[in-house]
C-alpha atoms as a PDB file:
ATOM      1  CA  UNK A   1      55.659 101.294 118.611  1.00  0.00           C
ATOM      2  CA  UNK A   2      52.347 103.031 117.914  1.00  0.00           C
ATOM      3  CA  UNK A   3      52.016 106.228 115.955  1.00  0.00           C
ATOM      4  CA  UNK A   4      51.688 109.441 117.973  1.00  0.00           C
ATOM      5  CA  UNK A   5      48.143 110.763 118.067  1.00  0.00           C
ATOM      6  CA  UNK A   6      47.270 114.431 117.610  1.00  0.00           C
ATOM      7  CA  UNK A   7      45.834 116.358 120.581  1.00  0.00           C
ATOM      8  CA  UNK A   8      42.304 115.509 121.660  1.00  0.00           C
ATOM      9  CA  UNK A   9      39.553 117.833 120.420  1.00  0.00           C
ATOM     10  CA  UNK A  10      37.033 116.913 123.128  1.00  0.00           C
ATOM     11  CA  UNK A  11      36.836 114.838 126.316  1.00  0.00           C
ATOM     12  CA  UNK A  12      36.021 111.184 126.844  1.00  0.00           C
ATOM     13  CA  UNK A  13      32.840 112.090 128.763  1.00  0.00           C
ATOM     14  CA  UNK A  14      31.385 113.430 125.470  1.00  0.00           C
ATOM     15  CA  UNK A  15      32.278 110.294 123.469  1.00  0.00           C
ATOM     16  CA  UNK A  16      28.848 108.611 123.673  1.00  0.00           C
ATOM     17  CA  UNK A  17      26.000 110.952 124.609  1.00  0.00           C
ATOM     18  CA  UNK A  18      22.929 110.032 122.518  1.00  0.00           C
ATOM     19  CA  UNK A  19      20.662 107.902 124.716  1.00  0.00           C
ATOM     20  CA  UNK A  20      20.069 105.372 121.927  1.00  0.00           C
ATOM     21  CA  UNK A  21      23.841 104.881 121.633  1.00  0.00           C
ATOM     22  CA  UNK A  22      24.316 104.726 125.408  1.00  0.00           C
ATOM     23  CA  UNK A  23      21.770 101.877 125.479  1.00  0.00           C
ATOM     24  CA  UNK A  24      23.695 100.055 122.735  1.00  0.00           C
ATOM     25  CA  UNK A  25      26.944 100.362 124.718  1.00  0.00           C
ATOM     26  CA  UNK A  26      25.270  99.145 127.910  1.00  0.00           C
ATOM     27  CA  UNK A  27      23.714  96.107 126.201  1.00  0.00           C
ATOM     28  CA  UNK A  28      27.037  95.234 124.555  1.00  0.00           C
ATOM     29  CA  UNK A  29      26.012  95.765 120.928  1.00  0.00           C
ATOM     30  CA  UNK A  30      28.078  98.954 120.523  1.00  0.00           C
ATOM     31  CA  UNK A  31      31.821  98.598 121.069  1.00  0.00           C
ATOM     32  CA  UNK A  32      33.052 101.484 118.904  1.00  0.00           C
ATOM     33  CA  UNK A  33      32.089 105.005 117.962  1.00  0.00           C
ATOM     34  CA  UNK A  34      33.269 107.320 115.225  1.00  0.00           C
ATOM     35  CA  UNK A  35      33.664 111.050 115.745  1.00  0.00           C
ATOM     36  CA  UNK A  36      34.950 113.976 113.684  1.00  0.00           C
ATOM     37  CA  UNK A  37      37.470 114.678 116.431  1.00  0.00           C
ATOM     38  CA  UNK A  38      39.556 112.671 118.836  1.00  0.00           C
ATOM     39  CA  UNK A  39      37.751 112.357 122.172  1.00  0.00           C
ATOM     40  CA  UNK A  40      39.940 109.891 124.063  1.00  0.00           C
ATOM     41  CA  UNK A  41      43.377 108.410 124.430  1.00  0.00           C
ATOM     42  CA  UNK A  42      43.849 104.642 124.659  1.00  0.00           C
ATOM     43  CA  UNK A  43      43.501 103.659 128.299  1.00  0.00           C
ATOM     44  CA  UNK A  44      40.992 106.378 129.196  1.00  0.00           C
ATOM     45  CA  UNK A  45      37.833 105.349 131.010  1.00  0.00           C
ATOM     46  CA  UNK A  46      34.336 106.330 129.878  1.00  0.00           C
ATOM     47  CA  UNK A  47      31.557 106.009 132.444  1.00  0.00           C
ATOM     48  CA  UNK A  48      27.942 105.459 131.369  1.00  0.00           C
ATOM     49  CA  UNK A  49      25.164 105.043 133.931  1.00  0.00           C
ATOM     50  CA  UNK A  50      27.646 103.859 136.564  1.00  0.00           C
ATOM     51  CA  UNK A  51      29.397 101.351 134.289  1.00  0.00           C
ATOM     52  CA  UNK A  52      32.969 101.815 133.140  1.00  0.00           C
ATOM     53  CA  UNK A  53      34.417 101.216 129.673  1.00  0.00           C
ATOM     54  CA  UNK A  54      38.061 101.450 128.661  1.00  0.00           C
ATOM     55  CA  UNK A  55      38.948 103.013 125.330  1.00  0.00           C
ATOM     56  CA  UNK A  56      41.522 100.519 124.042  1.00  0.00           C
ATOM     57  CA  UNK A  57      42.020 101.610 120.433  1.00  0.00           C
ATOM     58  CA  UNK A  58      41.930 105.014 118.684  1.00  0.00           C
ATOM     59  CA  UNK A  59      42.654 105.432 114.977  1.00  0.00           C
ATOM     60  CA  UNK A  60      41.650 107.414 111.900  1.00  0.00           C
ATOM     61  CA  UNK A  61      39.453 105.933 109.164  1.00  0.00           C
ATOM     62  CA  UNK A  62      37.914 107.274 105.937  1.00  0.00           C
ATOM     63  CA  UNK A  63      34.116 107.034 105.715  1.00  0.00           C
ATOM     64  CA  UNK A  64      34.559 105.036 102.498  1.00  0.00           C
ATOM     65  CA  UNK A  65      36.518 102.379 104.418  1.00  0.00           C
ATOM     66  CA  UNK A  66      33.678 101.552 106.832  1.00  0.00           C
ATOM     67  CA  UNK A  67      32.577  97.924 106.466  1.00  0.00           C
ATOM     68  CA  UNK A  68      29.560  95.938 107.635  1.00  0.00           C
ATOM     69  CA  UNK A  69      31.758  94.640 110.486  1.00  0.00           C
ATOM     70  CA  UNK A  70      32.561  98.230 111.517  1.00  0.00           C
ATOM     71  CA  UNK A  71      28.837  99.048 111.440  1.00  0.00           C
ATOM     72  CA  UNK A  72      28.131  96.028 113.658  1.00  0.00           C
ATOM     73  CA  UNK A  73      30.678  97.331 116.191  1.00  0.00           C
ATOM     74  CA  UNK A  74      28.654 100.575 116.128  1.00  0.00           C
ATOM     75  CA  UNK A  75      25.541  98.564 117.049  1.00  0.00           C
ATOM     76  CA  UNK A  76      23.938  98.325 113.586  1.00  0.00           C
ATOM     77  CA  UNK A  77      23.076  95.379 111.336  1.00  0.00           C
ATOM     78  CA  UNK A  78      25.068  96.624 108.352  1.00  0.00           C
ATOM     79  CA  UNK A  79      26.822  99.579 106.741  1.00  0.00           C
ATOM     80  CA  UNK A  80      23.678 101.024 105.133  1.00  0.00           C
ATOM     81  CA  UNK A  81      21.716 101.165 108.397  1.00  0.00           C
ATOM     82  CA  UNK A  82      24.702 102.830 110.120  1.00  0.00           C
ATOM     83  CA  UNK A  83      25.092 105.367 107.297  1.00  0.00           C
ATOM     84  CA  UNK A  84      21.351 106.196 107.393  1.00  0.00           C
ATOM     85  CA  UNK A  85      21.549 106.728 111.157  1.00  0.00           C
ATOM     86  CA  UNK A  86      24.566 109.049 110.891  1.00  0.00           C
ATOM     87  CA  UNK A  87      22.997 111.096 108.101  1.00  0.00           C
ATOM     88  CA  UNK A  88      19.733 111.383 110.092  1.00  0.00           C
ATOM     89  CA  UNK A  89      21.733 112.768 113.034  1.00  0.00           C
ATOM     90  CA  UNK A  90      23.452 115.388 110.849  1.00  0.00           C
ATOM     91  CA  UNK A  91      20.743 116.828 108.596  1.00  0.00           C
ATOM     92  CA  UNK A  92      22.120 118.084 105.277  1.00  0.00           C
ATOM     93  CA  UNK A  93      25.559 116.533 105.811  1.00  0.00           C
ATOM     94  CA  UNK A  94      26.848 114.829 102.684  1.00  0.00           C
ATOM     95  CA  UNK A  95      28.503 111.410 102.953  1.00  0.00           C
ATOM     96  CA  UNK A  96      32.002 112.059 101.642  1.00  0.00           C
ATOM     97  CA  UNK A  97      33.879 108.741 101.309  1.00  0.00           C
ATOM     98  CA  UNK A  98      37.348 110.330 101.620  1.00  0.00           C
ATOM     99  CA  UNK A  99      36.396 112.329 104.748  1.00  0.00           C
ATOM    100  CA  UNK A 100      38.215 110.969 107.788  1.00  0.00           C
ATOM    101  CA  UNK A 101      36.817 110.291 111.247  1.00  0.00           C
ATOM    102  CA  UNK A 102      38.328 109.052 114.514  1.00  0.00           C
ATOM    103  CA  UNK A 103      37.382 105.543 115.614  1.00  0.00           C
ATOM    104  CA  UNK A 104      37.290 104.899 119.359  1.00  0.00           C
ATOM    105  CA  UNK A 105      36.980 101.228 120.346  1.00  0.00           C
ATOM    106  CA  UNK A 106      36.065 100.405 123.935  1.00  0.00           C
ATOM    107  CA  UNK A 107      35.295  97.475 126.246  1.00  0.00           C
ATOM    108  CA  UNK A 108      33.800  97.045 129.707  1.00  0.00           C
ATOM    109  CA  UNK A 109      36.170  97.078 132.680  1.00  0.00           C
END
């Protein structure tokens, strides 16, 4: 049995909004996204440019646990390029390895 998730802090339609990330989802290179809050429940459907994606996994992860494989699921070549991208999106934000984020994994339906 899976662990109960806390209430969502936002809605699935806000999960992937940056056009660069939308393009990565649509071309299949992005199959996960990390957010400070929980935006979806497993089974929810995200729609991007008329295409539907099912969120199939939602879990918490510390920033310090992110691997190159995780970065590839985010649409990047490796951890360092993913980290640079995130820090460029959030000017002045420090990278705190013990800070936790919510991982949302999705697939086309």
